[in-house]
Amino acid sequence: MSQTSIPPEADEQRSSSAISLQNEALIWSLAPTEAYQPAPIDITVCRAVQLELEPLRWNNYELLPASVKLTNTGETVILSARWDSEQCPSLEGGPLEGRYLFSQLHFHWGLSALDGSEHTIDGYRLPLELHVIHFAERFGDQDTAQASPGGVLCLVYFFNLKSNPNRFVEPVVEALERILLPESYTKLEPFPLIDLFHAFTDEYFLYWGCTRNGPQVTPLLWLLSRTQEPLDFRQLKQFNRLLDRRMRPRCSLQPSDTARPSKGRHLFHVNPRTPMSVSTLRIEPPEKFAQTRWLVDRQPIDWSSPDACRQYVRLVREELAKKKQPPVEEDEVQCLEGGSNRSSEY
């Protein structure tokens, strides 16, 4: 009597699917406790537990919205959009239970290019951080969803300085000139949201954590892309021109804000595909793109000077001393004249 054999490929797929379901269940079992621990955190890469999940599925992000609005709230810059009928962008798969609908996105920046992101990577910040907020469709609206663990999802993208401007972010940067005052807004020419960031299915970090706004506590599921987005320094400086409610240049990241240690909670590295040895955040300055560049608290560095790297190290040390962080050793910074071929991933 003959028996039907199962192809090895099918058996592997079944095994992988089972592992993904087990890991998804593990993630959600942590929500009742870890979702109420404070965020953002320091992403300690070497402590992240590697985890296999099914790929995220991105729906409708390439569609053109009917309208796009950019608002200076006095605290941050929010981009909201409206779509016709059932075309709202959404996410499924990965660790998610059901479908999550796009709500809004907003930016976080600092006083300098060394102090912008809310999260830190191995203790260091990047110039700009983007949050893309979604809520679970099963709750009906975000106000209802934000009361429950897993009701709200935050995608995190880090931006790093590059020699050329990011042409996809440029429509937002150009519009900042029109919303310098707090509580002001402007309409943008509609564009697909996926222009601002990439759709990742692997190579991301995951953890639970909550944010506080006065008495309101919002538990969130955080997904942080490992691959950075680019922008140049001119684009970054436009955010520093925005005014807050006291009519002062707005820094969405206050000097007292600190990322919490990730100890005491689970931090996952989902579907990793590159060695962990290249996953730490690079701290040397990006490739030269101008003779003079404002890098640290608007102090000029002349990169044509033979001691440009020493200038940079000195300024970095001064910045880190203010934060009571260990100083950067001089040999950790590569001289720009020698060039740098490192990956843009951390």
Protein backbone atom coordinates (compact mmCIF):
# COMPACT_ATOMS: atom_id res chain seq x y z
CA MET A 1 0.00 0.00 0.00
CA SER A 2 1.54 3.24 -1.12
CA GLN A 3 1.77 6.29 1.11
CA THR A 4 1.73 9.89 0.02
CA SER A 5 4.98 11.55 1.03
CA ILE A 6 5.17 15.19 2.12
CA PRO A 7 7.73 17.24 0.18
CA PRO A 8 10.53 18.53 2.40
CA GLU A 9 9.72 22.11 1.38
CA ALA A 10 6.11 21.78 2.57
CA ASP A 11 7.26 20.26 5.85
CA GLU A 12 9.68 23.15 6.39
CA GLN A 13 6.96 25.70 5.64
CA ARG A 14 4.60 24.01 8.09
CA SER A 15 7.31 23.96 10.76
CA SER A 16 8.14 27.62 10.16
CA SER A 17 4.47 28.59 10.35
CA ALA A 18 4.08 26.75 13.64
CA ILE A 19 7.11 28.51 15.08
CA SER A 20 5.74 31.89 13.98
CA LEU A 21 2.40 31.20 15.68
CA GLN A 22 4.14 30.15 18.89
CA ASN A 23 6.26 33.29 18.86
CA GLU A 24 3.21 35.48 18.21
CA ALA A 25 1.50 33.90 21.21
CA LEU A 26 4.62 34.57 23.29
CA ILE A 27 4.61 38.25 22.36
CA TRP A 28 0.97 38.72 23.30
CA SER A 29 1.41 36.87 26.58
CA LEU A 30 3.79 39.66 27.63
CA ALA A 31 1.33 42.49 26.90
CA PRO A 32 -0.57 42.62 30.24
CA THR A 33 2.60 43.48 32.18
CA GLU A 34 5.25 44.83 29.82
CA ALA A 35 2.89 47.12 27.86
CA TYR A 36 2.70 49.36 30.94
CA GLN A 37 6.44 49.78 31.37
CA PRO A 38 7.70 53.23 30.26
CA ALA A 39 8.87 53.93 26.71
CA PRO A 40 10.96 54.90 24.79
CA ILE A 41 13.89 52.68 25.73
CA ASP A 42 17.53 52.16 24.90
CA ILE A 43 17.78 49.46 22.23
CA THR A 44 20.64 47.35 23.55
CA VAL A 45 21.32 45.37 20.40
CA CYS A 46 23.37 42.60 22.00
CA ARG A 47 20.50 41.82 24.41
CA ALA A 48 17.82 41.47 21.72
CA VAL A 49 16.36 37.97 21.42
CA GLN A 50 16.14 36.78 17.82
CA LEU A 51 12.62 35.79 16.86
CA GLU A 52 10.95 34.37 13.76
CA LEU A 53 7.56 35.75 12.70
CA GLU A 54 5.58 35.73 9.48
CA PRO A 55 6.25 38.79 7.27
CA LEU A 56 4.31 41.99 7.80
CA ARG A 57 1.77 42.73 5.06
CA TRP A 58 1.47 46.34 3.92
CA ASN A 59 -1.87 47.31 2.35
CA ASN A 60 -2.70 50.45 0.32
CA TYR A 61 0.41 52.41 1.32
CA GLU A 62 1.17 53.07 -2.34
CA LEU A 63 -2.25 54.66 -2.96
CA LEU A 64 -2.62 58.41 -3.38
CA PRO A 65 -4.65 59.99 -0.53
CA ALA A 66 -7.43 62.45 -1.25
CA SER A 67 -5.80 65.07 1.00
CA VAL A 68 -2.69 65.51 3.18
CA LYS A 69 -2.41 67.94 6.11
CA LEU A 70 0.72 69.01 8.03
CA THR A 71 0.27 70.58 11.49
CA ASN A 72 2.63 72.28 13.95
CA THR A 73 1.04 71.37 17.29
CA GLY A 74 3.59 73.35 19.29
CA GLU A 75 5.01 70.02 20.45
CA THR A 76 5.67 68.15 17.22
CA VAL A 77 4.79 68.04 13.51
CA ILE A 78 1.89 65.75 12.62
CA LEU A 79 1.06 64.55 9.13
CA SER A 80 -2.50 63.30 8.67
CA ALA A 81 -4.25 62.16 5.51
CA ARG A 82 -7.65 61.12 4.20
CA TRP A 83 -8.50 58.39 1.68
CA ASP A 84 -11.63 57.59 -0.24
CA SER A 85 -13.86 54.70 0.91
CA GLU A 86 -11.89 51.60 2.05
CA GLN A 87 -8.46 52.69 0.85
CA CYS A 88 -6.90 53.60 4.20
CA PRO A 89 -3.39 52.09 4.53
CA SER A 90 -3.15 49.20 6.96
CA LEU A 91 -0.83 46.53 8.35
CA GLU A 92 -1.37 42.83 8.98
CA GLY A 93 0.76 39.79 9.72
CA GLY A 94 3.95 39.71 11.75
CA PRO A 95 3.07 39.91 15.46
CA LEU A 96 -0.28 41.60 14.79
CA GLU A 97 -3.72 40.25 15.68
CA GLY A 98 -6.00 41.41 12.90
CA ARG A 99 -5.67 44.57 10.84
CA TYR A 100 -4.18 47.89 12.00
CA LEU A 101 -5.25 51.12 10.28
CA PHE A 102 -3.03 54.16 9.71
CA SER A 103 -3.84 57.09 12.00
CA GLN A 104 -1.07 59.71 11.68
CA LEU A 105 2.69 60.16 11.66
CA HIS A 106 4.86 62.65 13.51
CA PHE A 107 8.52 63.57 14.00
CA HIS A 108 10.94 63.95 16.92
CA TRP A 109 14.13 66.02 16.69
CA GLY A 110 16.64 67.64 19.04
CA LEU A 111 18.84 70.67 19.56
CA SER A 112 21.62 69.18 17.47
CA ALA A 113 22.33 66.37 15.05
CA LEU A 114 23.61 64.28 17.96
CA ASP A 115 20.48 64.53 20.08
CA GLY A 116 17.30 64.01 18.09
CA SER A 117 15.75 60.56 18.40
CA GLU A 118 13.60 59.53 21.37
CA HIS A 119 15.01 56.01 21.39
CA THR A 120 18.71 55.39 21.79
CA ILE A 121 20.68 52.60 20.16
CA ASP A 122 23.37 51.25 22.48
CA GLY A 123 23.24 54.61 24.26
CA TYR A 124 23.44 56.88 21.21
CA ARG A 125 20.81 59.00 19.48
CA LEU A 126 20.21 59.73 15.81
CA PRO A 127 19.25 63.14 14.34
CA LEU A 128 15.56 62.47 13.66
CA GLU A 129 12.92 59.89 14.57
CA LEU A 130 9.63 59.24 12.77
CA HIS A 131 6.63 57.58 14.43
CA VAL A 132 3.89 56.06 12.24
CA ILE A 133 0.82 55.42 14.39
CA HIS A 134 -1.79 52.71 13.70
CA PHE A 135 -4.76 51.43 15.70
CA ALA A 136 -6.43 48.02 15.71
CA GLU A 137 -9.47 48.00 13.42
CA ARG A 138 -11.43 45.85 15.87
CA PHE A 139 -11.71 48.82 18.28
CA GLY A 140 -13.35 51.12 15.74
CA ASP A 141 -11.32 54.25 16.54
CA GLN A 142 -8.01 55.22 18.12
CA ASP A 143 -9.52 56.78 21.26
CA THR A 144 -11.06 53.43 22.16
CA ALA A 145 -8.04 51.43 21.05
CA GLN A 146 -5.48 53.32 23.13
CA ALA A 147 -6.99 52.08 26.38
CA SER A 148 -6.03 48.45 25.67
CA PRO A 149 -2.61 46.76 25.26
CA GLY A 150 -2.18 46.03 21.57
CA GLY A 151 -4.76 48.60 20.56
CA VAL A 152 -2.16 51.03 19.22
CA LEU A 153 0.92 50.22 17.14
CA CYS A 154 3.88 52.56 16.61
CA LEU A 155 6.33 52.03 13.75
CA VAL A 156 9.65 53.76 14.35
CA TYR A 157 12.09 54.96 11.69
CA PHE A 158 15.46 56.57 12.39
CA PHE A 159 16.93 59.19 10.05
CA ASN A 160 20.66 59.71 9.64
CA LEU A 161 22.63 62.43 7.86
CA LYS A 162 23.70 61.80 4.28
CA SER A 163 25.49 63.86 1.66
CA ASN A 164 22.44 64.31 -0.58
CA PRO A 165 18.93 65.48 0.30
CA ASN A 166 16.12 62.97 0.55
CA ARG A 167 13.84 63.99 -2.31
CA PHE A 168 10.93 62.01 -0.89
CA VAL A 169 10.98 63.92 2.42
CA GLU A 170 11.46 67.26 0.64
CA PRO A 171 7.70 68.01 0.24
CA VAL A 172 7.34 67.86 4.03
CA VAL A 173 10.52 69.89 4.63
CA GLU A 174 9.43 72.61 2.20
CA ALA A 175 6.04 72.85 3.92
CA LEU A 176 7.63 73.48 7.34
CA GLU A 177 8.24 77.07 6.22
CA ARG A 178 4.45 77.57 6.19
CA ILE A 179 3.84 76.25 9.72
CA LEU A 180 6.53 78.00 11.76
CA LEU A 181 3.91 79.21 14.28
CA PRO A 182 2.30 76.82 16.78
CA GLU A 183 -1.21 75.56 16.01
CA SER A 184 -0.73 76.36 12.32
CA TYR A 185 -1.28 73.92 9.48
CA THR A 186 -0.98 73.64 5.73
CA LYS A 187 -2.24 71.32 3.01
CA LEU A 188 0.25 69.34 0.91
CA GLU A 189 -0.03 68.03 -2.61
CA PRO A 190 -1.14 64.40 -2.04
CA PHE A 191 1.57 61.75 -2.29
CA PRO A 192 1.74 58.06 -1.27
CA LEU A 193 2.82 57.75 2.36
CA ILE A 194 5.26 54.99 1.45
CA ASP A 195 7.41 57.73 -0.13
CA LEU A 196 8.47 58.83 3.37
CA PHE A 197 9.71 55.44 4.61
CA HIS A 198 10.28 51.87 3.49
CA ALA A 199 7.98 48.89 4.03
CA PHE A 200 9.94 46.38 6.11
CA THR A 201 9.05 42.72 6.64
CA ASP A 202 12.17 41.66 8.53
CA GLU A 203 15.11 43.21 10.38
CA TYR A 204 13.16 45.11 13.02
CA PHE A 205 13.10 45.34 16.80
CA LEU A 206 9.95 44.77 18.85
CA TYR A 207 8.97 45.54 22.44
CA TRP A 208 6.03 46.63 24.60
CA GLY A 209 5.97 49.99 26.38
CA CYS A 210 3.68 52.87 27.29
CA THR A 211 3.71 56.64 26.92
CA ARG A 212 2.18 59.16 29.34
CA ASN A 213 0.40 62.41 28.57
CA GLY A 214 -0.60 63.81 31.94
CA PRO A 215 -2.86 61.23 33.60
CA GLN A 216 -3.39 59.34 30.33
CA VAL A 217 -1.35 56.16 29.87
CA THR A 218 -1.23 54.60 26.38
CA PRO A 219 0.16 51.05 26.07
CA LEU A 220 1.87 50.52 22.71
CA LEU A 221 3.42 47.79 20.62
CA TRP A 222 6.64 49.23 19.17
CA LEU A 223 8.25 48.04 15.92
CA LEU A 224 11.57 49.74 15.12
CA SER A 225 13.11 49.43 11.67
CA ARG A 226 16.79 48.55 11.77
CA THR A 227 17.50 50.27 8.44
CA GLN A 228 17.84 54.04 8.64
CA GLU A 229 16.28 56.61 6.33
CA PRO A 230 18.45 59.43 4.88
CA LEU A 231 18.24 63.21 4.99
CA ASP A 232 20.80 65.99 4.68
CA PHE A 233 21.63 68.64 7.23
CA ARG A 234 19.70 71.42 5.50
CA GLN A 235 16.55 69.34 5.76
CA LEU A 236 17.20 68.58 9.43
CA LYS A 237 17.72 72.27 10.27
CA GLN A 238 14.23 73.17 9.03
CA PHE A 239 12.68 71.36 11.99
CA ASN A 240 14.66 73.55 14.41
CA ARG A 241 13.00 76.66 13.00
CA LEU A 242 9.54 75.66 14.22
CA LEU A 243 8.21 77.63 17.20
CA ASP A 244 6.49 76.22 20.27
CA ARG A 245 3.60 77.78 22.23
CA ARG A 246 6.01 80.14 23.98
CA MET A 247 7.22 81.33 20.58
CA ARG A 248 10.64 79.75 21.01
CA PRO A 249 12.37 77.37 18.58
CA ARG A 250 10.83 74.01 19.26
CA CYS A 251 12.89 70.96 20.17
CA SER A 252 10.52 68.00 20.39
CA LEU A 253 13.07 66.19 22.53
CA GLN A 254 13.72 67.98 25.81
CA PRO A 255 17.20 67.75 27.39
CA SER A 256 15.70 65.97 30.39
CA ASP A 257 14.19 63.22 28.24
CA THR A 258 16.07 59.96 28.55
CA ALA A 259 15.46 56.56 27.03
CA ARG A 260 14.86 53.93 29.69
CA PRO A 261 17.08 50.85 29.96
CA SER A 262 15.57 47.77 28.30
CA LYS A 263 16.40 45.59 31.32
CA GLY A 264 13.38 43.97 32.90
CA ARG A 265 11.45 43.52 29.68
CA HIS A 266 11.74 41.54 26.47
CA LEU A 267 13.37 43.09 23.41
CA PHE A 268 13.09 41.06 20.21
CA HIS A 269 15.04 41.22 16.94
CA VAL A 270 12.52 39.93 14.40
CA ASN A 271 13.58 37.93 11.33
CA PRO A 272 17.26 38.98 11.41
CA ARG A 273 19.18 38.42 8.18
CA THR A 274 22.56 40.09 8.83
CA PRO A 275 25.23 39.34 11.46
CA MET A 276 24.80 41.03 14.82
CA SER A 277 28.42 42.15 14.57
CA VAL A 278 27.39 44.92 12.16
CA SER A 279 24.22 45.93 13.96
CA THR A 280 25.61 48.53 16.35
CA LEU A 281 25.04 52.20 15.67
CA ARG A 282 27.91 53.94 13.94
CA ILE A 283 29.03 57.07 15.77
CA GLU A 284 31.48 58.65 13.35
CA PRO A 285 30.22 61.58 11.27
CA PRO A 286 28.60 60.74 7.93
CA GLU A 287 30.39 61.36 4.65
CA LYS A 288 31.40 64.94 3.92
CA PHE A 289 28.84 66.89 1.93
CA ALA A 290 29.98 70.51 2.45
CA GLN A 291 33.10 72.44 3.39
CA THR A 292 31.42 73.70 6.53
CA ARG A 293 28.71 71.78 8.33
CA TRP A 294 26.82 72.49 11.54
CA LEU A 295 26.95 69.29 13.57
CA VAL A 296 27.06 69.95 17.28
CA ASP A 297 24.92 72.73 18.73
CA ARG A 298 25.40 74.84 15.60
CA GLN A 299 29.18 75.01 16.03
CA PRO A 300 30.92 75.04 12.62
CA ILE A 301 33.38 72.35 11.65
CA ASP A 302 35.60 72.99 8.65
CA TRP A 303 36.02 69.53 7.12
CA SER A 304 38.80 70.76 4.85
CA SER A 305 40.97 71.33 7.92
CA PRO A 306 43.62 68.67 8.77
CA ASP A 307 42.33 68.51 12.36
CA ALA A 308 38.63 68.30 11.42
CA CYS A 309 38.22 64.90 13.04
CA ARG A 310 39.83 66.13 16.27
CA GLN A 311 37.38 69.04 16.28
CA TYR A 312 34.51 66.61 15.90
CA VAL A 313 35.78 64.32 18.69
CA ARG A 314 36.19 67.28 21.03
CA LEU A 315 32.64 68.48 20.39
CA VAL A 316 31.22 64.98 20.79
CA ARG A 317 33.05 64.60 24.10
CA GLU A 318 31.62 67.89 25.30
CA GLU A 319 28.11 66.82 24.33
CA LEU A 320 28.43 63.43 26.01
CA ALA A 321 29.92 65.02 29.14
CA LYS A 322 26.76 67.10 29.44
CA LYS A 323 24.72 63.89 29.38
CA LYS A 324 27.13 62.13 31.76
CA GLN A 325 27.81 59.42 29.17
CA PRO A 326 31.20 57.76 28.60
CA PRO A 327 33.33 59.85 26.20
CA VAL A 328 34.02 58.77 22.65
CA GLU A 329 37.60 57.61 22.14
CA GLU A 330 39.44 59.33 19.34
CA ASP A 331 40.16 56.09 17.51
CA GLU A 332 36.42 55.37 17.37
CA VAL A 333 35.98 58.20 14.88
CA GLN A 334 37.26 57.65 11.38
CA CYS A 335 38.81 60.64 9.67
CA LEU A 336 36.59 61.72 6.81
CA GLU A 337 39.52 62.14 4.49
CA GLY A 338 39.99 58.36 4.65
CA GLY A 339 36.36 57.76 3.78
CA SER A 340 33.89 55.32 5.30
CA ASN A 341 32.36 52.26 3.69
CA ARG A 342 30.20 51.14 6.59
CA SER A 343 26.64 50.03 6.10
CA SER A 344 23.83 52.47 6.89
CA GLU A 345 22.31 49.85 9.17
CA TYR A 346 22.91 49.65 12.88
